[in-house]
Amino acid sequence: MNVIWLQRPEAVGALMYGELDSPWGRVWSLWHEDALTQLAFVDSPSDLEKRFNRVVKVWRREPEPMAEDDGRLTDLAAILRAWPHQAEASMPTLEMVGAAFQQRVWRYLLRLDPGQCLTYGEVARHIGQPGAARAVGAAVGANPVPVLVPCHRVLPASGGTGHYGGGERRKRWLLSGEGVGL
């Protein structure tokens, strides 16, 4: 998988957004050139408005809408329908914007196999930061490309699903699809 790692968004290049249906509901995506930089579940018009306003604040410009038949969207829809059995070669380039610690966590998440779940504390130990479980939780929660960067595979040590930006039901669906029962 090709990943571009940035501390802050690039000021130049086409910034576009699109929506598509996934097995878990409606998904909004943000693309910088041909790289996917954000993916979010949207359940209401207010979710879309919040997402759009946040992009304008961070990127300091408005993204342009994509055509519904844009190849990036149709390819992404196919990847999500095939999840977790999609070919890694079919994955789009990801552009991950975040602080150095967040990027360390996200890089580790990309190494997890489908169905492989760890606790926040275990992830902290694996990245060489034992005792940073809360910071790992914050980084996991800030993941801009859920599902493709599998933050749903991180669980609290106390049990349950923890907090998931797409909601507990979606996290359970994703894990169930990977053979994990909670």
Protein backbone atom coordinates (compact mmCIF):
# COMPACT_ATOMS: atom_id res chain seq x y z
CA MET A 1 0.00 0.00 0.00
CA ASN A 2 1.28 3.43 -0.90
CA VAL A 3 0.96 5.99 1.90
CA ILE A 4 1.99 9.64 1.90
CA TRP A 5 2.72 10.87 5.43
CA LEU A 6 2.29 14.62 6.10
CA GLN A 7 2.36 16.78 9.23
CA ARG A 8 0.00 19.32 7.62
CA PRO A 9 -2.14 19.43 4.48
CA GLU A 10 -0.56 20.43 1.17
CA ALA A 11 -1.60 23.89 0.02
CA VAL A 12 -1.65 23.00 -3.67
CA GLY A 13 -3.39 20.40 -5.79
CA ALA A 14 -6.98 19.43 -6.47
CA LEU A 15 -9.08 18.83 -3.36
CA MET A 16 -12.30 16.92 -4.08
CA TYR A 17 -14.99 15.12 -2.13
CA GLY A 18 -17.48 12.44 -2.97
CA GLU A 19 -20.04 10.15 -1.39
CA LEU A 20 -20.79 6.50 -1.91
CA ASP A 21 -22.65 3.62 -0.35
CA SER A 22 -20.77 0.99 1.63
CA PRO A 23 -21.92 -2.21 3.33
CA TRP A 24 -22.06 -0.17 6.58
CA GLY A 25 -23.89 2.90 5.30
CA ARG A 26 -23.17 6.12 3.47
CA VAL A 27 -19.50 7.15 3.27
CA TRP A 28 -17.97 10.55 2.56
CA SER A 29 -14.46 10.73 1.11
CA LEU A 30 -11.93 13.51 0.60
CA TRP A 31 -9.28 13.24 -2.09
CA HIS A 32 -6.14 15.33 -2.56
CA GLU A 33 -5.24 14.74 -6.19
CA ASP A 34 -5.49 10.93 -6.47
CA ALA A 35 -4.80 10.19 -2.80
CA LEU A 36 -7.56 9.40 -0.33
CA THR A 37 -7.06 11.64 2.69
CA GLN A 38 -10.31 11.24 4.63
CA LEU A 39 -13.11 8.70 4.89
CA ALA A 40 -16.11 9.11 7.17
CA PHE A 41 -19.47 7.53 7.79
CA VAL A 42 -22.29 10.03 7.39
CA ASP A 43 -25.71 9.39 8.80
CA SER A 44 -27.34 12.80 8.40
CA PRO A 45 -27.04 16.09 6.52
CA SER A 46 -25.56 17.65 9.67
CA ASP A 47 -22.75 15.04 9.57
CA LEU A 48 -21.95 16.19 6.03
CA GLU A 49 -22.02 19.85 7.00
CA LYS A 50 -19.70 19.28 9.96
CA ARG A 51 -17.30 17.27 7.83
CA PHE A 52 -17.27 19.91 5.08
CA ASN A 53 -16.74 22.79 7.55
CA ARG A 54 -13.87 20.93 9.20
CA VAL A 55 -12.17 20.39 5.84
CA VAL A 56 -12.43 24.10 5.03
CA LYS A 57 -10.93 24.97 8.42
CA VAL A 58 -8.00 22.52 8.11
CA TRP A 59 -7.27 22.84 4.39
CA ARG A 60 -8.17 26.57 4.21
CA ARG A 61 -10.17 26.04 1.04
CA GLU A 62 -13.33 24.38 -0.13
CA PRO A 63 -13.13 21.03 -1.84
CA GLU A 64 -14.88 20.55 -5.17
CA PRO A 65 -17.54 17.86 -5.63
CA MET A 66 -16.62 14.74 -7.58
CA ALA A 67 -18.79 13.23 -10.29
CA GLU A 68 -20.73 10.21 -8.99
CA ASP A 69 -19.09 8.04 -11.65
CA ASP A 70 -15.53 9.18 -10.81
CA GLY A 71 -13.24 6.14 -11.00
CA ARG A 72 -11.78 6.85 -7.56
CA LEU A 73 -15.25 6.53 -6.01
CA THR A 74 -16.23 3.42 -7.94
CA ASP A 75 -12.90 1.77 -7.06
CA LEU A 76 -13.32 2.72 -3.39
CA ALA A 77 -16.87 1.35 -3.36
CA ALA A 78 -15.58 -1.97 -4.76
CA ILE A 79 -12.85 -2.11 -2.11
CA LEU A 80 -15.35 -1.51 0.70
CA ARG A 81 -17.76 -4.12 -0.68
CA ALA A 82 -14.92 -6.69 -0.74
CA TRP A 83 -13.66 -5.80 2.75
CA PRO A 84 -11.68 -7.44 4.34
CA HIS A 85 -10.75 -9.57 1.33
CA GLN A 86 -9.75 -6.82 -1.08
CA ALA A 87 -6.38 -7.07 -2.75
CA GLU A 88 -3.83 -4.70 -1.27
CA ALA A 89 -2.80 -3.81 -4.82
CA SER A 90 -6.26 -2.35 -5.39
CA MET A 91 -6.01 0.06 -2.47
CA PRO A 92 -5.81 3.75 -3.31
CA THR A 93 -2.84 5.82 -2.25
CA LEU A 94 -3.56 7.20 1.21
CA GLU A 95 -2.50 10.66 2.33
CA MET A 96 -2.35 10.61 6.12
CA VAL A 97 -2.12 14.03 7.75
CA GLY A 98 -1.29 14.06 11.43
CA ALA A 99 1.28 14.58 14.15
CA ALA A 100 4.31 12.28 14.41
CA PHE A 101 2.83 10.21 17.28
CA GLN A 102 -0.47 9.75 15.43
CA GLN A 103 1.42 8.58 12.37
CA ARG A 104 3.35 6.00 14.42
CA VAL A 105 0.05 4.58 15.66
CA TRP A 106 -1.54 4.58 12.19
CA ARG A 107 1.52 2.89 10.66
CA TYR A 108 1.21 0.15 13.26
CA LEU A 109 -2.51 -0.28 12.56
CA LEU A 110 -1.72 -0.88 8.89
CA ARG A 111 0.31 -3.93 9.95
CA LEU A 112 -2.65 -5.64 11.66
CA ASP A 113 -4.23 -8.54 9.82
CA PRO A 114 -8.01 -8.90 9.46
CA GLY A 115 -9.37 -10.28 12.73
CA GLN A 116 -6.24 -9.39 14.70
CA CYS A 117 -7.36 -7.23 17.61
CA LEU A 118 -5.19 -5.54 20.21
CA THR A 119 -5.86 -3.29 23.18
CA TYR A 120 -4.78 0.34 23.27
CA GLY A 121 -2.10 -0.62 25.79
CA GLU A 122 -0.78 -3.39 23.55
CA VAL A 123 -0.49 -0.96 20.63
CA ALA A 124 1.33 1.48 22.93
CA ARG A 125 3.84 -1.24 23.86
CA HIS A 126 4.32 -2.29 20.23
CA ILE A 127 5.23 1.26 19.19
CA GLY A 128 7.65 1.61 22.10
CA GLN A 129 5.45 3.82 24.28
CA PRO A 130 4.28 1.64 27.19
CA GLY A 131 1.95 3.60 29.39
CA ALA A 132 0.65 5.70 26.48
CA ALA A 133 -2.63 3.81 26.06
CA ARG A 134 -4.71 7.00 26.33
CA ALA A 135 -2.56 8.77 23.75
CA VAL A 136 -2.92 5.74 21.48
CA GLY A 137 -6.69 5.96 21.98
CA ALA A 138 -6.64 9.61 20.94
CA ALA A 139 -4.56 8.78 17.84
CA VAL A 140 -6.85 5.90 16.94
CA GLY A 141 -9.83 8.24 17.33
CA ALA A 142 -8.19 10.80 15.03
CA ASN A 143 -7.60 8.26 12.23
CA PRO A 144 -8.73 10.07 9.07
CA VAL A 145 -9.26 6.91 7.01
CA PRO A 146 -11.15 4.35 9.11
CA VAL A 147 -11.67 0.83 7.75
CA LEU A 148 -8.69 1.10 5.38
CA VAL A 149 -6.48 2.05 8.33
CA PRO A 150 -8.14 -0.47 10.65
CA CYS A 151 -8.68 1.43 13.88
CA HIS A 152 -11.70 -0.80 14.53
CA ARG A 153 -9.24 -3.57 15.47
CA VAL A 154 -8.18 -1.75 18.63
CA LEU A 155 -10.25 -2.52 21.71
CA PRO A 156 -10.25 -1.40 25.34
CA ALA A 157 -8.61 -3.74 27.86
CA SER A 158 -11.79 -3.57 29.95
CA GLY A 159 -13.78 -5.29 27.19
CA GLY A 160 -16.44 -4.14 24.78
CA THR A 161 -15.86 -2.09 21.66
CA GLY A 162 -14.77 1.24 23.10
CA HIS A 163 -15.65 4.39 21.22
CA TYR A 164 -15.73 4.26 17.43
CA GLY A 165 -16.38 7.30 15.27
CA GLY A 166 -18.71 5.29 13.05
CA GLY A 167 -20.65 3.96 16.03
CA GLU A 168 -20.56 0.76 18.02
CA ARG A 169 -22.85 -1.09 15.60
CA ARG A 170 -20.50 -0.42 12.65
CA LYS A 171 -17.47 -1.49 14.67
CA ARG A 172 -19.20 -4.75 15.52
CA TRP A 173 -20.13 -5.24 11.82
CA LEU A 174 -16.54 -4.66 10.72
CA LEU A 175 -15.12 -7.03 13.32
CA SER A 176 -17.78 -9.65 12.64
CA GLY A 177 -16.87 -9.53 8.95
CA GLU A 178 -13.30 -10.33 9.98
CA GLY A 179 -14.41 -13.27 12.12
CA VAL A 180 -14.22 -11.53 15.50
CA GLY A 181 -17.13 -12.05 17.85
CA LEU A 182 -17.68 -9.64 20.71
